[in-house]
Amino acid sequence: MELSKIIQLLDMYCLPHLAEKWDNVGLLVEPSPPHHVNKVLLTNDLTEQVIDEAIAEKTGLIISYHPPIFSPLKRITQQHWKQRIVVRCLENRIAVFSPHTGLDAKVGGINDWLLEPLAVKSKANLSRSSAVSQTLAQLTVVMGENFTEFVLSTGVNVCTTNIQSDVSVTSAVVTCPESELKRTMDVMEELKIPLVSLNTIQKTDGEGCGRLVTLQFPVHLRAVIAAYKKFLNLEHLTVALGRDKTLAVD
């Protein structure tokens, strides 16, 4: 797929406009066009070891959660590893995209995903990125070969995807302003995108960074740590305790 189309999809899903002002997100390294991407590599941090792997795998695009270019570069030499990364990406025609705090702030993004191990009663943003109040149409559709064209043609926001291996069906939940519903449905009919369900939701809170959560019932910190180790498939976690607090059972 051409890089420009992939970036359109990533911008629609990762919502870079929600990123914090201090952040540096979106397309950070772009080889001269045309740039056709056959392989995409995902990483939390773009290091020189990751670049080695990307080159060996003939990767055309790296999605790095943390932006490898943060402060403005005054020169691009071999003196610093971040500068060397930019050089090697351009030499090997590898694009770099970073979602970071835009994907954090999005409803259904990283922050909400990290709440899945908890029994959440209510949640609120610590700070608001946008204060849009509007009625949205929420559609669950079956993903097929025309799904990418559907997203690019309509500009719908892809909220979640769900692969149901037992019945070999992949579905996606997308939203659009209610005023755009008719046009969206017309495009779906034209591209033969099956509709599973349609709902109307009111978007009032807007997206924002962080989550302040009230649990359904009290949980000991040890149980929370165990739940997250299992959820993240990690043997160890670093935990910051409050002042004068311990992991001792009350």
C-alpha atoms as a PDB file:
ATOM      1  CA  MET A   1       0.000   0.000   0.000  1.00  0.00           C
ATOM      2  CA  GLU A   2       1.194   3.513  -0.747  1.00  0.00           C
ATOM      3  CA  LEU A   3       2.546   5.297   2.349  1.00  0.00           C
ATOM      4  CA  SER A   4       0.204   8.272   1.927  1.00  0.00           C
ATOM      5  CA  LYS A   5      -2.867   6.016   2.229  1.00  0.00           C
ATOM      6  CA  ILE A   6      -1.447   4.259   5.298  1.00  0.00           C
ATOM      7  CA  ILE A   7      -0.807   7.616   6.965  1.00  0.00           C
ATOM      8  CA  GLN A   8      -4.390   8.663   6.218  1.00  0.00           C
ATOM      9  CA  LEU A   9      -5.627   5.560   8.032  1.00  0.00           C
ATOM     10  CA  LEU A  10      -3.219   6.026  10.944  1.00  0.00           C
ATOM     11  CA  ASP A  11      -4.232   9.673  11.340  1.00  0.00           C
ATOM     12  CA  MET A  12      -7.902   8.648  11.410  1.00  0.00           C
ATOM     13  CA  TYR A  13      -7.287   5.968  14.040  1.00  0.00           C
ATOM     14  CA  CYS A  14      -4.536   7.506  16.195  1.00  0.00           C
ATOM     15  CA  LEU A  15      -5.892  11.099  16.153  1.00  0.00           C
ATOM     16  CA  PRO A  16      -2.593  13.042  16.281  1.00  0.00           C
ATOM     17  CA  HIS A  17      -4.526  16.310  16.771  1.00  0.00           C
ATOM     18  CA  LEU A  18      -5.311  15.119  20.324  1.00  0.00           C
ATOM     19  CA  ALA A  19      -1.624  14.881  21.256  1.00  0.00           C
ATOM     20  CA  GLU A  20      -0.182  17.079  23.997  1.00  0.00           C
ATOM     21  CA  LYS A  21       1.343  20.355  22.790  1.00  0.00           C
ATOM     22  CA  TRP A  22       4.819  19.285  23.909  1.00  0.00           C
ATOM     23  CA  ASP A  23       4.621  16.001  21.990  1.00  0.00           C
ATOM     24  CA  ASN A  24       5.874  15.207  18.481  1.00  0.00           C
ATOM     25  CA  VAL A  25       3.530  12.777  16.748  1.00  0.00           C
ATOM     26  CA  GLY A  26       2.420  11.686  13.302  1.00  0.00           C
ATOM     27  CA  LEU A  27       4.646  11.047  10.295  1.00  0.00           C
ATOM     28  CA  LEU A  28       8.193  11.911  11.409  1.00  0.00           C
ATOM     29  CA  VAL A  29      10.336  10.442   8.613  1.00  0.00           C
ATOM     30  CA  GLU A  30       9.074  10.322   5.027  1.00  0.00           C
ATOM     31  CA  PRO A  31      11.073   8.913   2.096  1.00  0.00           C
ATOM     32  CA  SER A  32      10.555  10.675  -1.218  1.00  0.00           C
ATOM     33  CA  PRO A  33       7.389   9.471  -3.013  1.00  0.00           C
ATOM     34  CA  PRO A  34       6.244   7.164  -4.351  1.00  0.00           C
ATOM     35  CA  HIS A  35       6.845   4.891  -1.364  1.00  0.00           C
ATOM     36  CA  HIS A  36       5.052   1.545  -1.445  1.00  0.00           C
ATOM     37  CA  VAL A  37       4.988  -0.248   1.917  1.00  0.00           C
ATOM     38  CA  ASN A  38       4.918  -4.049   2.052  1.00  0.00           C
ATOM     39  CA  LYS A  39       5.930  -4.552   5.698  1.00  0.00           C
ATOM     40  CA  VAL A  40       5.233  -2.576   8.876  1.00  0.00           C
ATOM     41  CA  LEU A  41       7.239  -2.990  12.094  1.00  0.00           C
ATOM     42  CA  LEU A  42       5.737  -2.037  15.469  1.00  0.00           C
ATOM     43  CA  THR A  43       7.925  -0.988  18.398  1.00  0.00           C
ATOM     44  CA  ASN A  44       7.626   0.827  21.699  1.00  0.00           C
ATOM     45  CA  ASP A  45      10.966   2.622  21.252  1.00  0.00           C
ATOM     46  CA  LEU A  46      12.935   3.031  18.035  1.00  0.00           C
ATOM     47  CA  THR A  47      16.506   2.012  18.879  1.00  0.00           C
ATOM     48  CA  GLU A  48      19.438   1.148  16.640  1.00  0.00           C
ATOM     49  CA  GLN A  49      18.742  -2.543  17.274  1.00  0.00           C
ATOM     50  CA  VAL A  50      15.187  -2.060  16.007  1.00  0.00           C
ATOM     51  CA  ILE A  51      16.543  -0.322  12.902  1.00  0.00           C
ATOM     52  CA  ASP A  52      18.802  -3.336  12.282  1.00  0.00           C
ATOM     53  CA  GLU A  53      15.754  -5.607  12.412  1.00  0.00           C
ATOM     54  CA  ALA A  54      13.702  -3.310  10.188  1.00  0.00           C
ATOM     55  CA  ILE A  55      16.417  -3.251   7.526  1.00  0.00           C
ATOM     56  CA  ALA A  56      16.887  -7.028   7.691  1.00  0.00           C
ATOM     57  CA  GLU A  57      13.123  -7.543   7.273  1.00  0.00           C
ATOM     58  CA  LYS A  58      12.921  -5.008   4.419  1.00  0.00           C
ATOM     59  CA  THR A  59      10.407  -2.942   6.367  1.00  0.00           C
ATOM     60  CA  GLY A  60       8.889   0.100   4.666  1.00  0.00           C
ATOM     61  CA  LEU A  61       7.307   1.698   7.739  1.00  0.00           C
ATOM     62  CA  ILE A  62       8.061   1.691  11.465  1.00  0.00           C
ATOM     63  CA  ILE A  63       5.302   2.633  13.907  1.00  0.00           C
ATOM     64  CA  SER A  64       7.131   3.697  17.065  1.00  0.00           C
ATOM     65  CA  TYR A  65       4.869   4.465  20.023  1.00  0.00           C
ATOM     66  CA  HIS A  66       7.404   6.912  21.473  1.00  0.00           C
ATOM     67  CA  PRO A  67       8.644   9.526  18.977  1.00  0.00           C
ATOM     68  CA  PRO A  68      12.327   8.974  18.108  1.00  0.00           C
ATOM     69  CA  ILE A  69      12.588  12.627  17.034  1.00  0.00           C
ATOM     70  CA  PHE A  70      11.548  14.839  19.920  1.00  0.00           C
ATOM     71  CA  SER A  71      13.734  17.922  20.161  1.00  0.00           C
ATOM     72  CA  PRO A  72      14.571  19.719  16.884  1.00  0.00           C
ATOM     73  CA  LEU A  73      17.692  18.341  15.194  1.00  0.00           C
ATOM     74  CA  LYS A  74      20.304  21.015  14.414  1.00  0.00           C
ATOM     75  CA  ARG A  75      22.445  18.545  12.493  1.00  0.00           C
ATOM     76  CA  ILE A  76      22.246  14.963  11.261  1.00  0.00           C
ATOM     77  CA  THR A  77      25.605  13.269  11.796  1.00  0.00           C
ATOM     78  CA  GLN A  78      26.977  10.024  13.201  1.00  0.00           C
ATOM     79  CA  GLN A  79      27.701  11.554  16.613  1.00  0.00           C
ATOM     80  CA  HIS A  80      24.380  10.694  18.300  1.00  0.00           C
ATOM     81  CA  TRP A  81      22.250   7.563  18.069  1.00  0.00           C
ATOM     82  CA  LYS A  82      19.039   9.502  17.350  1.00  0.00           C
ATOM     83  CA  GLN A  83      20.705  11.235  14.413  1.00  0.00           C
ATOM     84  CA  ARG A  84      22.053   7.903  13.162  1.00  0.00           C
ATOM     85  CA  ILE A  85      18.524   6.475  13.243  1.00  0.00           C
ATOM     86  CA  VAL A  86      17.244   9.238  10.952  1.00  0.00           C
ATOM     87  CA  VAL A  87      20.167   8.711   8.570  1.00  0.00           C
ATOM     88  CA  ARG A  88      19.619   4.949   8.359  1.00  0.00           C
ATOM     89  CA  CYS A  89      15.865   5.321   7.895  1.00  0.00           C
ATOM     90  CA  LEU A  90      16.329   7.674   4.956  1.00  0.00           C
ATOM     91  CA  GLU A  91      19.165   5.611   3.463  1.00  0.00           C
ATOM     92  CA  ASN A  92      16.962   2.513   3.542  1.00  0.00           C
ATOM     93  CA  ARG A  93      13.702   4.277   2.610  1.00  0.00           C
ATOM     94  CA  ILE A  94      11.951   3.528   5.902  1.00  0.00           C
ATOM     95  CA  ALA A  95       9.150   5.843   7.042  1.00  0.00           C
ATOM     96  CA  VAL A  96       8.534   6.459  10.759  1.00  0.00           C
ATOM     97  CA  PHE A  97       5.183   7.233  12.417  1.00  0.00           C
ATOM     98  CA  SER A  98       4.569   7.880  16.117  1.00  0.00           C
ATOM     99  CA  PRO A  99       1.084   7.968  17.761  1.00  0.00           C
ATOM    100  CA  HIS A 100       2.075   8.556  21.434  1.00  0.00           C
ATOM    101  CA  THR A 101      -0.217  10.899  23.414  1.00  0.00           C
ATOM    102  CA  GLY A 102      -2.764  11.203  20.602  1.00  0.00           C
ATOM    103  CA  LEU A 103      -3.513   7.502  20.931  1.00  0.00           C
ATOM    104  CA  ASP A 104      -3.395   7.860  24.731  1.00  0.00           C
ATOM    105  CA  ALA A 105      -6.122  10.516  24.732  1.00  0.00           C
ATOM    106  CA  LYS A 106      -8.441   8.828  22.244  1.00  0.00           C
ATOM    107  CA  VAL A 107     -11.597   7.181  23.568  1.00  0.00           C
ATOM    108  CA  GLY A 108     -10.830   3.475  23.259  1.00  0.00           C
ATOM    109  CA  GLY A 109      -7.099   4.233  23.030  1.00  0.00           C
ATOM    110  CA  ILE A 110      -4.144   3.199  25.185  1.00  0.00           C
ATOM    111  CA  ASN A 111      -5.478   4.641  28.455  1.00  0.00           C
ATOM    112  CA  ASP A 112      -8.826   2.880  28.107  1.00  0.00           C
ATOM    113  CA  TRP A 113      -7.129  -0.353  27.017  1.00  0.00           C
ATOM    114  CA  LEU A 114      -5.000  -0.293  30.172  1.00  0.00           C
ATOM    115  CA  LEU A 115      -8.172  -0.255  32.280  1.00  0.00           C
ATOM    116  CA  GLU A 116      -9.368  -3.616  30.970  1.00  0.00           C
ATOM    117  CA  PRO A 117      -8.002  -5.703  33.911  1.00  0.00           C
ATOM    118  CA  LEU A 118      -9.997  -3.589  36.386  1.00  0.00           C
ATOM    119  CA  ALA A 119     -13.681  -3.688  37.344  1.00  0.00           C
ATOM    120  CA  VAL A 120     -14.417  -0.069  36.486  1.00  0.00           C
ATOM    121  CA  LYS A 121     -17.503   1.650  37.892  1.00  0.00           C
ATOM    122  CA  SER A 122     -16.856   5.067  36.386  1.00  0.00           C
ATOM    123  CA  LYS A 123     -14.015   6.979  34.762  1.00  0.00           C
ATOM    124  CA  ALA A 124     -13.159  10.526  33.761  1.00  0.00           C
ATOM    125  CA  ASN A 125     -10.337  12.239  31.894  1.00  0.00           C
ATOM    126  CA  LEU A 126      -7.677  14.017  33.942  1.00  0.00           C
ATOM    127  CA  SER A 127      -7.624  16.746  31.316  1.00  0.00           C
ATOM    128  CA  ARG A 128      -9.681  17.326  28.216  1.00  0.00           C
ATOM    129  CA  SER A 129      -8.136  17.438  24.760  1.00  0.00           C
ATOM    130  CA  SER A 130     -11.327  18.444  22.993  1.00  0.00           C
ATOM    131  CA  ALA A 131     -14.728  19.631  24.152  1.00  0.00           C
ATOM    132  CA  VAL A 132     -16.774  18.619  21.164  1.00  0.00           C
ATOM    133  CA  SER A 133     -20.434  17.956  21.860  1.00  0.00           C
ATOM    134  CA  GLN A 134     -22.164  16.234  18.983  1.00  0.00           C
ATOM    135  CA  THR A 135     -24.399  13.339  18.066  1.00  0.00           C
ATOM    136  CA  LEU A 136     -22.533  10.483  16.434  1.00  0.00           C
ATOM    137  CA  ALA A 137     -23.736   7.506  14.456  1.00  0.00           C
ATOM    138  CA  GLN A 138     -22.014   4.333  15.644  1.00  0.00           C
ATOM    139  CA  LEU A 139     -21.915   1.545  13.081  1.00  0.00           C
ATOM    140  CA  THR A 140     -20.697  -2.016  13.428  1.00  0.00           C
ATOM    141  CA  VAL A 141     -19.672  -3.260   9.995  1.00  0.00           C
ATOM    142  CA  VAL A 142     -18.126  -6.382   8.518  1.00  0.00           C
ATOM    143  CA  MET A 143     -14.578  -5.775   7.343  1.00  0.00           C
ATOM    144  CA  GLY A 144     -13.758  -6.997   3.859  1.00  0.00           C
ATOM    145  CA  GLU A 145     -11.459  -6.201   0.989  1.00  0.00           C
ATOM    146  CA  ASN A 146     -13.142  -2.806   0.461  1.00  0.00           C
ATOM    147  CA  PHE A 147     -12.907  -1.692   4.107  1.00  0.00           C
ATOM    148  CA  THR A 148      -9.817   0.484   3.607  1.00  0.00           C
ATOM    149  CA  GLU A 149     -11.435   2.249   0.646  1.00  0.00           C
ATOM    150  CA  PHE A 150     -14.572   2.749   2.758  1.00  0.00           C
ATOM    151  CA  VAL A 151     -12.590   4.423   5.568  1.00  0.00           C
ATOM    152  CA  LEU A 152     -10.642   6.644   3.181  1.00  0.00           C
ATOM    153  CA  SER A 153     -13.774   7.624   1.233  1.00  0.00           C
ATOM    154  CA  THR A 154     -15.903   8.517   4.249  1.00  0.00           C
ATOM    155  CA  GLY A 155     -13.393   9.638   6.875  1.00  0.00           C
ATOM    156  CA  VAL A 156     -15.133   7.587   9.577  1.00  0.00           C
ATOM    157  CA  ASN A 157     -13.338   7.127  12.888  1.00  0.00           C
ATOM    158  CA  VAL A 158     -12.371   3.486  13.467  1.00  0.00           C
ATOM    159  CA  CYS A 159     -12.957   2.816  17.176  1.00  0.00           C
ATOM    160  CA  THR A 160     -12.384  -0.919  17.587  1.00  0.00           C
ATOM    161  CA  THR A 161     -11.910  -4.045  15.536  1.00  0.00           C
ATOM    162  CA  ASN A 162     -12.868  -7.568  16.526  1.00  0.00           C
ATOM    163  CA  ILE A 163     -11.643 -10.770  14.892  1.00  0.00           C
ATOM    164  CA  GLN A 164     -13.960 -13.684  15.593  1.00  0.00           C
ATOM    165  CA  SER A 165     -11.900 -16.663  14.501  1.00  0.00           C
ATOM    166  CA  ASP A 166     -14.617 -19.187  15.275  1.00  0.00           C
ATOM    167  CA  VAL A 167     -16.862 -17.845  12.539  1.00  0.00           C
ATOM    168  CA  SER A 168     -14.150 -16.268  10.371  1.00  0.00           C
ATOM    169  CA  VAL A 169     -15.708 -12.813  10.584  1.00  0.00           C
ATOM    170  CA  THR A 170     -13.876  -9.585  11.282  1.00  0.00           C
ATOM    171  CA  SER A 171     -15.987  -6.644  12.403  1.00  0.00           C
ATOM    172  CA  ALA A 172     -15.213  -3.016  13.152  1.00  0.00           C
ATOM    173  CA  VAL A 173     -16.983  -0.290  15.092  1.00  0.00           C
ATOM    174  CA  VAL A 174     -16.813   3.075  13.339  1.00  0.00           C
ATOM    175  CA  THR A 175     -18.374   6.452  14.071  1.00  0.00           C
ATOM    176  CA  CYS A 176     -19.301   9.465  12.004  1.00  0.00           C
ATOM    177  CA  PRO A 177     -21.264  12.672  12.643  1.00  0.00           C
ATOM    178  CA  GLU A 178     -24.992  12.017  12.365  1.00  0.00           C
ATOM    179  CA  SER A 179     -25.109  14.552   9.535  1.00  0.00           C
ATOM    180  CA  GLU A 180     -22.748  12.312   7.528  1.00  0.00           C
ATOM    181  CA  LEU A 181     -24.702   9.089   8.102  1.00  0.00           C
ATOM    182  CA  LYS A 182     -26.578   9.074   4.794  1.00  0.00           C
ATOM    183  CA  ARG A 183     -23.415   9.619   2.768  1.00  0.00           C
ATOM    184  CA  THR A 184     -21.627   6.940   4.802  1.00  0.00           C
ATOM    185  CA  MET A 185     -24.454   4.467   4.212  1.00  0.00           C
ATOM    186  CA  ASP A 186     -24.437   5.270   0.488  1.00  0.00           C
ATOM    187  CA  VAL A 187     -20.712   4.494   0.295  1.00  0.00           C
ATOM    188  CA  MET A 188     -21.271   1.259   2.250  1.00  0.00           C
ATOM    189  CA  GLU A 189     -23.933   0.196  -0.241  1.00  0.00           C
ATOM    190  CA  GLU A 190     -21.707   1.074  -3.182  1.00  0.00           C
ATOM    191  CA  LEU A 191     -18.731  -0.870  -1.769  1.00  0.00           C
ATOM    192  CA  LYS A 192     -20.924  -3.703  -0.455  1.00  0.00           C
ATOM    193  CA  ILE A 193     -19.898  -3.235   3.194  1.00  0.00           C
ATOM    194  CA  PRO A 194     -22.380  -5.250   5.349  1.00  0.00           C
ATOM    195  CA  LEU A 195     -23.949  -3.414   8.301  1.00  0.00           C
ATOM    196  CA  VAL A 196     -24.234  -5.409  11.543  1.00  0.00           C
ATOM    197  CA  SER A 197     -25.780  -2.758  13.802  1.00  0.00           C
ATOM    198  CA  LEU A 198     -26.424   0.978  14.001  1.00  0.00           C
ATOM    199  CA  ASN A 199     -26.697   3.136  17.134  1.00  0.00           C
ATOM    200  CA  THR A 200     -26.723   6.819  17.979  1.00  0.00           C
ATOM    201  CA  ILE A 201     -24.439   8.077  20.742  1.00  0.00           C
ATOM    202  CA  GLN A 202     -23.907  11.488  22.304  1.00  0.00           C
ATOM    203  CA  LYS A 203     -20.295  12.573  22.487  1.00  0.00           C
ATOM    204  CA  THR A 204     -20.019  15.224  25.180  1.00  0.00           C
ATOM    205  CA  ASP A 205     -16.939  14.579  27.308  1.00  0.00           C
ATOM    206  CA  GLY A 206     -14.370  14.667  24.546  1.00  0.00           C
ATOM    207  CA  GLU A 207     -11.067  12.849  24.588  1.00  0.00           C
ATOM    208  CA  GLY A 208      -8.331  13.636  27.066  1.00  0.00           C
ATOM    209  CA  CYS A 209      -5.158  12.410  28.701  1.00  0.00           C
ATOM    210  CA  GLY A 210      -5.150  10.144  31.735  1.00  0.00           C
ATOM    211  CA  ARG A 211      -8.062   8.434  33.452  1.00  0.00           C
ATOM    212  CA  LEU A 212      -9.413   8.897  36.986  1.00  0.00           C
ATOM    213  CA  VAL A 213     -11.201   5.649  37.819  1.00  0.00           C
ATOM    214  CA  THR A 214     -13.660   4.550  40.487  1.00  0.00           C
ATOM    215  CA  LEU A 215     -13.686   0.772  40.957  1.00  0.00           C
ATOM    216  CA  GLN A 216     -16.791  -1.322  41.520  1.00  0.00           C
ATOM    217  CA  PHE A 217     -15.258  -2.670  44.745  1.00  0.00           C
ATOM    218  CA  PRO A 218     -11.994  -2.237  46.718  1.00  0.00           C
ATOM    219  CA  VAL A 219      -9.016  -4.224  45.425  1.00  0.00           C
ATOM    220  CA  HIS A 220      -5.669  -4.726  47.156  1.00  0.00           C
ATOM    221  CA  LEU A 221      -2.672  -3.387  45.280  1.00  0.00           C
ATOM    222  CA  ARG A 222      -1.109  -6.864  45.154  1.00  0.00           C
ATOM    223  CA  ALA A 223      -4.160  -8.118  43.236  1.00  0.00           C
ATOM    224  CA  VAL A 224      -3.904  -5.184  40.828  1.00  0.00           C
ATOM    225  CA  ILE A 225      -0.225  -5.937  40.200  1.00  0.00           C
ATOM    226  CA  ALA A 226      -0.985  -9.617  39.584  1.00  0.00           C
ATOM    227  CA  ALA A 227      -3.802  -8.714  37.186  1.00  0.00           C
ATOM    228  CA  TYR A 228      -1.545  -6.434  35.161  1.00  0.00           C
ATOM    229  CA  LYS A 229       1.290  -8.956  35.029  1.00  0.00           C
ATOM    230  CA  LYS A 230      -1.142 -11.419  33.495  1.00  0.00           C
ATOM    231  CA  PHE A 231      -2.733  -8.830  31.200  1.00  0.00           C
ATOM    232  CA  LEU A 232       0.609  -7.571  29.880  1.00  0.00           C
ATOM    233  CA  ASN A 233       2.270 -10.997  29.962  1.00  0.00           C
ATOM    234  CA  LEU A 234       5.140  -9.688  32.103  1.00  0.00           C
ATOM    235  CA  GLU A 235       7.080 -11.344  34.907  1.00  0.00           C
ATOM    236  CA  HIS A 236       7.982  -8.057  36.599  1.00  0.00           C
ATOM    237  CA  LEU A 237       6.457  -4.596  36.982  1.00  0.00           C
ATOM    238  CA  THR A 238       7.861  -1.398  38.435  1.00  0.00           C
ATOM    239  CA  VAL A 239       5.416   0.051  40.969  1.00  0.00           C
ATOM    240  CA  ALA A 240       5.531   3.520  42.544  1.00  0.00           C
ATOM    241  CA  LEU A 241       4.072   3.460  46.059  1.00  0.00           C
ATOM    242  CA  GLY A 242       2.595   6.453  47.852  1.00  0.00           C
ATOM    243  CA  ARG A 243       4.510   8.131  50.670  1.00  0.00           C
ATOM    244  CA  ASP A 244       4.658   5.853  53.739  1.00  0.00           C
ATOM    245  CA  LYS A 245       2.760   3.131  51.834  1.00  0.00           C
ATOM    246  CA  THR A 246       3.795  -0.536  51.521  1.00  0.00           C
ATOM    247  CA  LEU A 247       2.494  -3.690  49.866  1.00  0.00           C
ATOM    248  CA  ALA A 248       1.632  -5.152  53.256  1.00  0.00           C
ATOM    249  CA  VAL A 249      -1.895  -6.507  53.577  1.00  0.00           C
ATOM    250  CA  ASP A 250      -4.025  -4.305  55.830  1.00  0.00           C
END
